[in-house]
C-alpha atoms as a PDB file:
ATOM      1  CA  UNK A   1     102.613  87.434-152.032  1.00  0.00           C
ATOM      2  CA  UNK A   2     103.101  84.423-154.279  1.00  0.00           C
ATOM      3  CA  UNK A   3     104.547  85.052-157.735  1.00  0.00           C
ATOM      4  CA  UNK A   4     102.197  84.483-160.639  1.00  0.00           C
ATOM      5  CA  UNK A   5     103.646  81.988-163.101  1.00  0.00           C
ATOM      6  CA  UNK A   6     103.748  83.203-166.724  1.00  0.00           C
ATOM      7  CA  UNK A   7     100.846  81.830-168.692  1.00  0.00           C
ATOM      8  CA  UNK A   8     101.734  78.928-170.941  1.00  0.00           C
ATOM      9  CA  UNK A   9      99.554  78.418-174.015  1.00  0.00           C
ATOM     10  CA  UNK A  10      97.636  75.186-173.788  1.00  0.00           C
ATOM     11  CA  UNK A  11      98.379  72.382-176.209  1.00  0.00           C
ATOM     12  CA  UNK A  12      94.700  72.502-177.140  1.00  0.00           C
ATOM     13  CA  UNK A  13      94.988  76.145-178.220  1.00  0.00           C
ATOM     14  CA  UNK A  14      97.997  75.416-180.440  1.00  0.00           C
ATOM     15  CA  UNK A  15      96.109  72.525-182.056  1.00  0.00           C
ATOM     16  CA  UNK A  16      93.218  74.826-182.980  1.00  0.00           C
ATOM     17  CA  UNK A  17      94.482  75.942-186.428  1.00  0.00           C
ATOM     18  CA  UNK A  18      94.634  72.301-187.583  1.00  0.00           C
ATOM     19  CA  UNK A  19      91.053  71.633-186.439  1.00  0.00           C
ATOM     20  CA  UNK A  20      89.650  74.931-187.697  1.00  0.00           C
ATOM     21  CA  UNK A  21      87.759  74.999-190.995  1.00  0.00           C
ATOM     22  CA  UNK A  22      90.011  77.151-193.164  1.00  0.00           C
ATOM     23  CA  UNK A  23      90.588  77.992-196.791  1.00  0.00           C
ATOM     24  CA  UNK A  24      92.286  80.721-198.771  1.00  0.00           C
ATOM     25  CA  UNK A  25      89.593  83.275-199.660  1.00  0.00           C
ATOM     26  CA  UNK A  26      91.250  85.959-201.774  1.00  0.00           C
ATOM     27  CA  UNK A  27      94.410  87.928-202.526  1.00  0.00           C
ATOM     28  CA  UNK A  28      94.154  91.717-202.361  1.00  0.00           C
ATOM     29  CA  UNK A  29      96.282  93.986-204.545  1.00  0.00           C
ATOM     30  CA  UNK A  30      96.199  97.419-206.163  1.00  0.00           C
ATOM     31  CA  UNK A  31      95.832  98.267-209.841  1.00  0.00           C
ATOM     32  CA  UNK A  32      96.118 101.510-211.795  1.00  0.00           C
ATOM     33  CA  UNK A  33      93.001 101.127-213.940  1.00  0.00           C
ATOM     34  CA  UNK A  34      90.238  98.857-212.689  1.00  0.00           C
ATOM     35  CA  UNK A  35      88.255  98.564-215.938  1.00  0.00           C
ATOM     36  CA  UNK A  36      91.419  97.771-217.930  1.00  0.00           C
ATOM     37  CA  UNK A  37      92.384  94.959-215.538  1.00  0.00           C
ATOM     38  CA  UNK A  38      88.843  93.546-215.424  1.00  0.00           C
ATOM     39  CA  UNK A  39      88.793  93.461-219.234  1.00  0.00           C
ATOM     40  CA  UNK A  40      92.189  91.732-219.369  1.00  0.00           C
ATOM     41  CA  UNK A  41      91.403  89.113-216.708  1.00  0.00           C
ATOM     42  CA  UNK A  42      88.032  88.222-218.200  1.00  0.00           C
ATOM     43  CA  UNK A  43      89.105  88.215-221.865  1.00  0.00           C
ATOM     44  CA  UNK A  44      92.690  86.944-221.626  1.00  0.00           C
ATOM     45  CA  UNK A  45      92.465  84.572-218.637  1.00  0.00           C
ATOM     46  CA  UNK A  46      88.777  83.674-218.779  1.00  0.00           C
ATOM     47  CA  UNK A  47      87.999  84.832-215.237  1.00  0.00           C
ATOM     48  CA  UNK A  48      84.520  85.997-214.252  1.00  0.00           C
ATOM     49  CA  UNK A  49      83.732  89.382-212.704  1.00  0.00           C
ATOM     50  CA  UNK A  50      81.962  88.326-209.500  1.00  0.00           C
ATOM     51  CA  UNK A  51      81.203  91.703-207.928  1.00  0.00           C
ATOM     52  CA  UNK A  52      82.304  95.302-208.097  1.00  0.00           C
ATOM     53  CA  UNK A  53      81.772  98.269-205.799  1.00  0.00           C
ATOM     54  CA  UNK A  54      82.653 101.945-205.626  1.00  0.00           C
ATOM     55  CA  UNK A  55      83.270 103.675-202.276  1.00  0.00           C
ATOM     56  CA  UNK A  56      83.463 107.381-203.248  1.00  0.00           C
ATOM     57  CA  UNK A  57      83.558 108.614-199.640  1.00  0.00           C
ATOM     58  CA  UNK A  58      86.825 106.674-199.188  1.00  0.00           C
ATOM     59  CA  UNK A  59      88.027 107.349-202.737  1.00  0.00           C
ATOM     60  CA  UNK A  60      88.475 103.792-203.928  1.00  0.00           C
ATOM     61  CA  UNK A  61      86.765 101.086-205.992  1.00  0.00           C
ATOM     62  CA  UNK A  62      87.288  97.357-205.992  1.00  0.00           C
ATOM     63  CA  UNK A  63      86.370  94.288-207.985  1.00  0.00           C
ATOM     64  CA  UNK A  64      86.409  90.570-207.234  1.00  0.00           C
ATOM     65  CA  UNK A  65      87.315  88.157-210.023  1.00  0.00           C
ATOM     66  CA  UNK A  66      87.900  84.420-210.206  1.00  0.00           C
ATOM     67  CA  UNK A  67      86.987  81.150-211.871  1.00  0.00           C
ATOM     68  CA  UNK A  68      84.126  80.295-209.518  1.00  0.00           C
ATOM     69  CA  UNK A  69      81.915  81.826-206.807  1.00  0.00           C
ATOM     70  CA  UNK A  70      83.526  83.347-203.713  1.00  0.00           C
ATOM     71  CA  UNK A  71      81.610  80.913-201.503  1.00  0.00           C
ATOM     72  CA  UNK A  72      83.788  78.073-202.804  1.00  0.00           C
ATOM     73  CA  UNK A  73      86.684  79.499-204.844  1.00  0.00           C
ATOM     74  CA  UNK A  74      89.795  81.578-204.317  1.00  0.00           C
ATOM     75  CA  UNK A  75      89.517  84.985-206.018  1.00  0.00           C
ATOM     76  CA  UNK A  76      91.486  88.172-206.560  1.00  0.00           C
ATOM     77  CA  UNK A  77      90.303  91.434-205.014  1.00  0.00           C
ATOM     78  CA  UNK A  78      91.530  94.351-207.120  1.00  0.00           C
ATOM     79  CA  UNK A  79      91.654  97.791-205.534  1.00  0.00           C
ATOM     80  CA  UNK A  80      91.757 101.072-207.443  1.00  0.00           C
ATOM     81  CA  UNK A  81      92.563 104.195-205.405  1.00  0.00           C
ATOM     82  CA  UNK A  82      91.257 107.340-207.075  1.00  0.00           C
ATOM     83  CA  UNK A  83      93.981 109.139-209.014  1.00  0.00           C
ATOM     84  CA  UNK A  84      96.711 106.513-208.500  1.00  0.00           C
ATOM     85  CA  UNK A  85      97.632 104.827-211.772  1.00  0.00           C
ATOM     86  CA  UNK A  86     100.905 103.110-210.873  1.00  0.00           C
ATOM     87  CA  UNK A  87     102.302 101.016-208.025  1.00  0.00           C
ATOM     88  CA  UNK A  88     105.630  99.452-207.063  1.00  0.00           C
ATOM     89  CA  UNK A  89     105.344  95.659-206.953  1.00  0.00           C
ATOM     90  CA  UNK A  90     108.697  95.335-205.138  1.00  0.00           C
ATOM     91  CA  UNK A  91     111.136  92.432-205.240  1.00  0.00           C
ATOM     92  CA  UNK A  92     109.395  90.132-202.738  1.00  0.00           C
ATOM     93  CA  UNK A  93     106.150  89.374-204.518  1.00  0.00           C
ATOM     94  CA  UNK A  94     106.570  86.569-207.038  1.00  0.00           C
ATOM     95  CA  UNK A  95     103.506  85.630-209.069  1.00  0.00           C
ATOM     96  CA  UNK A  96     100.021  84.201-209.169  1.00  0.00           C
ATOM     97  CA  UNK A  97      99.441  80.788-210.741  1.00  0.00           C
ATOM     98  CA  UNK A  98      96.733  79.681-213.170  1.00  0.00           C
ATOM     99  CA  UNK A  99      96.221  76.006-214.034  1.00  0.00           C
ATOM    100  CA  UNK A 100      94.897  75.214-217.497  1.00  0.00           C
ATOM    101  CA  UNK A 101      94.511  72.138-219.673  1.00  0.00           C
ATOM    102  CA  UNK A 102      96.222  73.921-222.605  1.00  0.00           C
ATOM    103  CA  UNK A 103      98.982  76.433-221.844  1.00  0.00           C
ATOM    104  CA  UNK A 104      99.709  77.061-225.545  1.00  0.00           C
ATOM    105  CA  UNK A 105      96.111  78.056-226.231  1.00  0.00           C
ATOM    106  CA  UNK A 106      95.947  80.300-223.138  1.00  0.00           C
ATOM    107  CA  UNK A 107      99.188  82.046-224.122  1.00  0.00           C
ATOM    108  CA  UNK A 108      97.766  82.789-227.585  1.00  0.00           C
ATOM    109  CA  UNK A 109      94.678  84.251-225.888  1.00  0.00           C
ATOM    110  CA  UNK A 110      96.863  86.434-223.645  1.00  0.00           C
ATOM    111  CA  UNK A 111      98.890  87.646-226.654  1.00  0.00           C
ATOM    112  CA  UNK A 112      95.704  88.443-228.590  1.00  0.00           C
ATOM    113  CA  UNK A 113      94.530  90.668-225.723  1.00  0.00           C
ATOM    114  CA  UNK A 114      97.817  92.567-225.518  1.00  0.00           C
ATOM    115  CA  UNK A 115      99.433  90.685-222.641  1.00  0.00           C
ATOM    116  CA  UNK A 116     103.205  90.389-222.408  1.00  0.00           C
ATOM    117  CA  UNK A 117     104.679  86.868-222.490  1.00  0.00           C
ATOM    118  CA  UNK A 118     107.901  86.731-220.452  1.00  0.00           C
ATOM    119  CA  UNK A 119     108.475  82.987-220.942  1.00  0.00           C
ATOM    120  CA  UNK A 120     107.054  81.165-223.923  1.00  0.00           C
ATOM    121  CA  UNK A 121     105.264  77.878-223.196  1.00  0.00           C
ATOM    122  CA  UNK A 122     107.389  74.777-222.841  1.00  0.00           C
ATOM    123  CA  UNK A 123     108.419  72.101-220.329  1.00  0.00           C
ATOM    124  CA  UNK A 124     110.093  73.091-217.063  1.00  0.00           C
ATOM    125  CA  UNK A 125     113.838  72.440-216.900  1.00  0.00           C
ATOM    126  CA  UNK A 126     114.401  68.788-216.104  1.00  0.00           C
ATOM    127  CA  UNK A 127     110.675  68.009-216.137  1.00  0.00           C
ATOM    128  CA  UNK A 128     107.657  67.496-218.352  1.00  0.00           C
ATOM    129  CA  UNK A 129     105.118  70.003-217.004  1.00  0.00           C
ATOM    130  CA  UNK A 130     104.429  72.714-219.589  1.00  0.00           C
ATOM    131  CA  UNK A 131     104.487  76.250-218.166  1.00  0.00           C
ATOM    132  CA  UNK A 132     104.613  79.863-219.357  1.00  0.00           C
ATOM    133  CA  UNK A 133     104.888  83.240-217.659  1.00  0.00           C
ATOM    134  CA  UNK A 134     102.883  86.320-218.651  1.00  0.00           C
ATOM    135  CA  UNK A 135     102.415  89.842-217.301  1.00  0.00           C
ATOM    136  CA  UNK A 136      99.158  91.711-216.755  1.00  0.00           C
ATOM    137  CA  UNK A 137      98.812  95.454-217.569  1.00  0.00           C
ATOM    138  CA  UNK A 138     100.118  96.451-214.105  1.00  0.00           C
ATOM    139  CA  UNK A 139     103.177  94.205-214.287  1.00  0.00           C
ATOM    140  CA  UNK A 140     101.924  91.387-212.049  1.00  0.00           C
ATOM    141  CA  UNK A 141     103.317  88.048-213.219  1.00  0.00           C
ATOM    142  CA  UNK A 142     101.150  84.969-213.742  1.00  0.00           C
ATOM    143  CA  UNK A 143     102.587  81.479-214.126  1.00  0.00           C
ATOM    144  CA  UNK A 144     100.419  79.386-216.450  1.00  0.00           C
ATOM    145  CA  UNK A 145     100.675  75.655-215.701  1.00  0.00           C
ATOM    146  CA  UNK A 146      99.368  72.796-217.818  1.00  0.00           C
ATOM    147  CA  UNK A 147      97.426  70.402-215.600  1.00  0.00           C
ATOM    148  CA  UNK A 148      94.315  68.194-215.720  1.00  0.00           C
ATOM    149  CA  UNK A 149      90.981  69.958-215.062  1.00  0.00           C
ATOM    150  CA  UNK A 150      90.749  71.339-211.520  1.00  0.00           C
ATOM    151  CA  UNK A 151      87.953  72.915-209.450  1.00  0.00           C
ATOM    152  CA  UNK A 152      90.377  75.777-208.678  1.00  0.00           C
ATOM    153  CA  UNK A 153      92.272  77.147-211.704  1.00  0.00           C
ATOM    154  CA  UNK A 154      93.566  80.140-209.668  1.00  0.00           C
ATOM    155  CA  UNK A 155      96.056  77.781-208.134  1.00  0.00           C
ATOM    156  CA  UNK A 156      98.848  79.614-206.314  1.00  0.00           C
ATOM    157  CA  UNK A 157     100.342  82.762-204.831  1.00  0.00           C
ATOM    158  CA  UNK A 158     104.143  82.881-204.758  1.00  0.00           C
ATOM    159  CA  UNK A 159     105.958  84.993-202.167  1.00  0.00           C
ATOM    160  CA  UNK A 160     109.704  85.195-201.524  1.00  0.00           C
ATOM    161  CA  UNK A 161     110.992  84.665-197.984  1.00  0.00           C
ATOM    162  CA  UNK A 162     114.345  85.124-196.251  1.00  0.00           C
ATOM    163  CA  UNK A 163     114.324  81.884-194.212  1.00  0.00           C
ATOM    164  CA  UNK A 164     112.326  79.000-195.655  1.00  0.00           C
ATOM    165  CA  UNK A 165     112.297  76.759-192.560  1.00  0.00           C
ATOM    166  CA  UNK A 166     111.096  79.639-190.387  1.00  0.00           C
ATOM    167  CA  UNK A 167     108.373  80.563-192.905  1.00  0.00           C
ATOM    168  CA  UNK A 168     107.152  76.958-193.157  1.00  0.00           C
ATOM    169  CA  UNK A 169     106.982  76.681-189.353  1.00  0.00           C
ATOM    170  CA  UNK A 170     105.106  79.969-189.133  1.00  0.00           C
ATOM    171  CA  UNK A 171     102.414  79.000-191.655  1.00  0.00           C
ATOM    172  CA  UNK A 172     102.070  75.541-190.095  1.00  0.00           C
ATOM    173  CA  UNK A 173     101.725  76.835-186.532  1.00  0.00           C
ATOM    174  CA  UNK A 174      99.952  80.181-186.982  1.00  0.00           C
ATOM    175  CA  UNK A 175      97.679  79.256-189.892  1.00  0.00           C
ATOM    176  CA  UNK A 176      97.402  75.472-189.694  1.00  0.00           C
ATOM    177  CA  UNK A 177      98.664  75.014-193.253  1.00  0.00           C
ATOM    178  CA  UNK A 178     100.263  71.732-194.316  1.00  0.00           C
ATOM    179  CA  UNK A 179     103.638  71.468-195.989  1.00  0.00           C
ATOM    180  CA  UNK A 180     102.469  69.792-199.198  1.00  0.00           C
ATOM    181  CA  UNK A 181     105.911  69.455-200.743  1.00  0.00           C
ATOM    182  CA  UNK A 182     109.362  70.975-200.609  1.00  0.00           C
ATOM    183  CA  UNK A 183     111.619  71.336-203.645  1.00  0.00           C
ATOM    184  CA  UNK A 184     115.365  71.976-203.404  1.00  0.00           C
ATOM    185  CA  UNK A 185     117.060  73.328-206.510  1.00  0.00           C
ATOM    186  CA  UNK A 186     120.697  73.990-205.560  1.00  0.00           C
ATOM    187  CA  UNK A 187     121.664  74.109-209.254  1.00  0.00           C
ATOM    188  CA  UNK A 188     119.415  77.180-209.641  1.00  0.00           C
ATOM    189  CA  UNK A 189     120.148  78.473-206.111  1.00  0.00           C
ATOM    190  CA  UNK A 190     116.626  78.386-204.762  1.00  0.00           C
ATOM    191  CA  UNK A 191     114.363  76.171-202.652  1.00  0.00           C
ATOM    192  CA  UNK A 192     110.591  76.335-202.355  1.00  0.00           C
ATOM    193  CA  UNK A 193     107.782  75.017-200.183  1.00  0.00           C
ATOM    194  CA  UNK A 194     104.146  74.523-201.180  1.00  0.00           C
ATOM    195  CA  UNK A 195     101.813  75.282-198.272  1.00  0.00           C
ATOM    196  CA  UNK A 196      98.045  74.836-198.174  1.00  0.00           C
ATOM    197  CA  UNK A 197      94.930  73.228-196.735  1.00  0.00           C
ATOM    198  CA  UNK A 198      94.379  70.505-199.339  1.00  0.00           C
ATOM    199  CA  UNK A 199      96.047  68.885-202.333  1.00  0.00           C
ATOM    200  CA  UNK A 200      97.774  71.514-204.483  1.00  0.00           C
ATOM    201  CA  UNK A 201      96.122  70.208-207.659  1.00  0.00           C
ATOM    202  CA  UNK A 202      92.667  70.690-206.149  1.00  0.00           C
ATOM    203  CA  UNK A 203      92.957  74.032-204.364  1.00  0.00           C
ATOM    204  CA  UNK A 204      94.970  77.258-204.096  1.00  0.00           C
ATOM    205  CA  UNK A 205      98.348  77.029-202.377  1.00  0.00           C
ATOM    206  CA  UNK A 206     100.984  79.392-201.101  1.00  0.00           C
ATOM    207  CA  UNK A 207     104.372  78.909-202.750  1.00  0.00           C
ATOM    208  CA  UNK A 208     107.167  80.194-200.503  1.00  0.00           C
ATOM    209  CA  UNK A 209     110.481  80.659-202.323  1.00  0.00           C
ATOM    210  CA  UNK A 210     113.928  81.136-200.800  1.00  0.00           C
ATOM    211  CA  UNK A 211     116.704  82.404-203.062  1.00  0.00           C
ATOM    212  CA  UNK A 212     120.086  81.394-201.656  1.00  0.00           C
ATOM    213  CA  UNK A 213     121.737  84.184-199.704  1.00  0.00           C
ATOM    214  CA  UNK A 214     118.823  86.637-199.993  1.00  0.00           C
ATOM    215  CA  UNK A 215     117.249  87.375-196.603  1.00  0.00           C
ATOM    216  CA  UNK A 216     115.306  90.581-197.316  1.00  0.00           C
ATOM    217  CA  UNK A 217     113.069  91.869-200.096  1.00  0.00           C
ATOM    218  CA  UNK A 218     111.238  95.102-200.815  1.00  0.00           C
ATOM    219  CA  UNK A 219     107.462  94.879-200.453  1.00  0.00           C
ATOM    220  CA  UNK A 220     106.466  97.829-202.647  1.00  0.00           C
ATOM    221  CA  UNK A 221     102.916  99.208-202.321  1.00  0.00           C
ATOM    222  CA  UNK A 222     101.070  97.069-204.893  1.00  0.00           C
ATOM    223  CA  UNK A 223     100.407  93.640-203.355  1.00  0.00           C
ATOM    224  CA  UNK A 224      98.525  93.877-200.054  1.00  0.00           C
ATOM    225  CA  UNK A 225      97.500  90.590-198.424  1.00  0.00           C
ATOM    226  CA  UNK A 226      95.858  87.178-198.447  1.00  0.00           C
ATOM    227  CA  UNK A 227      92.596  86.487-196.597  1.00  0.00           C
ATOM    228  CA  UNK A 228      91.945  83.148-194.873  1.00  0.00           C
ATOM    229  CA  UNK A 229      88.662  81.956-193.357  1.00  0.00           C
ATOM    230  CA  UNK A 230      88.312  80.833-189.724  1.00  0.00           C
ATOM    231  CA  UNK A 231      85.471  79.622-187.517  1.00  0.00           C
ATOM    232  CA  UNK A 232      86.767  81.675-184.554  1.00  0.00           C
ATOM    233  CA  UNK A 233      88.708  84.895-185.147  1.00  0.00           C
ATOM    234  CA  UNK A 234      89.431  85.401-181.434  1.00  0.00           C
ATOM    235  CA  UNK A 235      90.857  81.931-180.824  1.00  0.00           C
ATOM    236  CA  UNK A 236      92.842  82.102-184.067  1.00  0.00           C
ATOM    237  CA  UNK A 237      94.287  85.474-183.006  1.00  0.00           C
ATOM    238  CA  UNK A 238      95.417  83.952-179.682  1.00  0.00           C
ATOM    239  CA  UNK A 239      97.387  81.320-181.570  1.00  0.00           C
ATOM    240  CA  UNK A 240      98.944  83.922-183.874  1.00  0.00           C
ATOM    241  CA  UNK A 241     100.074  85.940-180.829  1.00  0.00           C
ATOM    242  CA  UNK A 242     101.850  82.907-179.392  1.00  0.00           C
ATOM    243  CA  UNK A 243     103.539  81.975-182.687  1.00  0.00           C
ATOM    244  CA  UNK A 244     104.699  85.560-183.306  1.00  0.00           C
ATOM    245  CA  UNK A 245     106.477  85.524-179.926  1.00  0.00           C
ATOM    246  CA  UNK A 246     108.361  82.405-181.031  1.00  0.00           C
ATOM    247  CA  UNK A 247     109.076  83.053-184.706  1.00  0.00           C
ATOM    248  CA  UNK A 248     108.582  86.790-185.281  1.00  0.00           C
ATOM    249  CA  UNK A 249     105.935  88.852-187.027  1.00  0.00           C
ATOM    250  CA  UNK A 250     103.491  91.491-185.849  1.00  0.00           C
ATOM    251  CA  UNK A 251      99.768  91.794-185.140  1.00  0.00           C
ATOM    252  CA  UNK A 252      98.404  94.699-187.215  1.00  0.00           C
ATOM    253  CA  UNK A 253      94.749  94.479-186.152  1.00  0.00           C
ATOM    254  CA  UNK A 254      93.330  92.952-182.986  1.00  0.00           C
ATOM    255  CA  UNK A 255      90.340  90.628-183.480  1.00  0.00           C
ATOM    256  CA  UNK A 256      86.927  92.246-183.732  1.00  0.00           C
ATOM    257  CA  UNK A 257      84.206  93.445-186.107  1.00  0.00           C
ATOM    258  CA  UNK A 258      84.919  95.970-188.879  1.00  0.00           C
ATOM    259  CA  UNK A 259      82.881  99.131-188.187  1.00  0.00           C
ATOM    260  CA  UNK A 260      79.889  99.423-190.518  1.00  0.00           C
ATOM    261  CA  UNK A 261      80.242  95.893-191.922  1.00  0.00           C
ATOM    262  CA  UNK A 262      80.444  93.903-188.658  1.00  0.00           C
ATOM    263  CA  UNK A 263      82.544  91.146-190.240  1.00  0.00           C
ATOM    264  CA  UNK A 264      85.000  89.959-187.584  1.00  0.00           C
ATOM    265  CA  UNK A 265      88.654  89.929-188.665  1.00  0.00           C
ATOM    266  CA  UNK A 266      92.186  90.028-187.316  1.00  0.00           C
ATOM    267  CA  UNK A 267      95.360  90.705-189.308  1.00  0.00           C
ATOM    268  CA  UNK A 268      99.076  90.178-188.846  1.00  0.00           C
ATOM    269  CA  UNK A 269     102.451  90.143-190.603  1.00  0.00           C
ATOM    270  CA  UNK A 270     104.546  86.982-190.880  1.00  0.00           C
ATOM    271  CA  UNK A 271     108.303  87.116-190.036  1.00  0.00           C
ATOM    272  CA  UNK A 272     109.020  88.348-193.597  1.00  0.00           C
ATOM    273  CA  UNK A 273     106.409  91.118-193.421  1.00  0.00           C
ATOM    274  CA  UNK A 274     103.717  89.434-195.575  1.00  0.00           C
ATOM    275  CA  UNK A 275     100.216  90.255-194.389  1.00  0.00           C
ATOM    276  CA  UNK A 276      97.412  87.782-193.717  1.00  0.00           C
ATOM    277  CA  UNK A 277      93.851  88.639-192.695  1.00  0.00           C
ATOM    278  CA  UNK A 278      91.797  86.024-190.862  1.00  0.00           C
ATOM    279  CA  UNK A 279      88.076  86.446-191.604  1.00  0.00           C
ATOM    280  CA  UNK A 280      85.139  84.939-189.717  1.00  0.00           C
ATOM    281  CA  UNK A 281      83.625  82.442-192.134  1.00  0.00           C
ATOM    282  CA  UNK A 282      79.954  82.979-191.190  1.00  0.00           C
ATOM    283  CA  UNK A 283      80.354  86.759-191.369  1.00  0.00           C
ATOM    284  CA  UNK A 284      82.091  86.445-194.744  1.00  0.00           C
ATOM    285  CA  UNK A 285      79.282  84.328-196.220  1.00  0.00           C
ATOM    286  CA  UNK A 286      76.704  86.741-194.796  1.00  0.00           C
ATOM    287  CA  UNK A 287      78.564  89.655-196.403  1.00  0.00           C
ATOM    288  CA  UNK A 288      78.382  87.895-199.782  1.00  0.00           C
ATOM    289  CA  UNK A 289      74.580  87.688-199.505  1.00  0.00           C
ATOM    290  CA  UNK A 290      74.200  91.440-198.933  1.00  0.00           C
ATOM    291  CA  UNK A 291      73.135  93.446-201.987  1.00  0.00           C
ATOM    292  CA  UNK A 292      75.913  95.763-203.191  1.00  0.00           C
END
């Protein structure tokens, strides 16, 4: 009996993520008091509450907030689990980014609503861009960046990784993201890579940061995942399987519809343990049209 040669992924399959129509949909994380966070994000940051739902049979509520509709903009999905008022953010999660035309004014707004400023507004070291850092009521950090007007003010999610080259390769190959720019800061002992699907001043990007000599971080139980749209969950999952065999990571949910909702998804961990959920774009848009 002839031996069956191991299957080799086709070049066409590995090209799929670059051809696929993708964008960052939302970041999911847990908060200790949903109404308090909604109030802070809308009043201090100027976000809009887009939708909110309560699932008593599963003992949780969630809310979606952002600067534009979910059909076109990146948003945050806040989850409140009944009776849990505190979470551990861990050492790996970095911050979210908000672009604004006036950092000083936004910082005053944050202060007026009781937010904590951890870095007062001013230019970055060795540069001219004005930034500030603030904390929300749960301790999540937001970097406020002064930039020209943008269609996507919710501009970045920063995660720390143990091997920057490996992480960049993973997001390029598994998710079809582009390396938009890489910054090396040996004087401050860190390097970073901006990854995304379009220009970082026009859309939300993933900022991967490597601190010299640090290969592992704690994940905590606060930040959950990022969701990314795809035109074909099954094909995208095939690619992820191949890339995980090469670079590491783990599939956490095989592709298929979610019971009761029928939106097709697949989810996986990158080599550093950060979770991504790929969501069928048509199903996602259909879900948005359903009455809550």
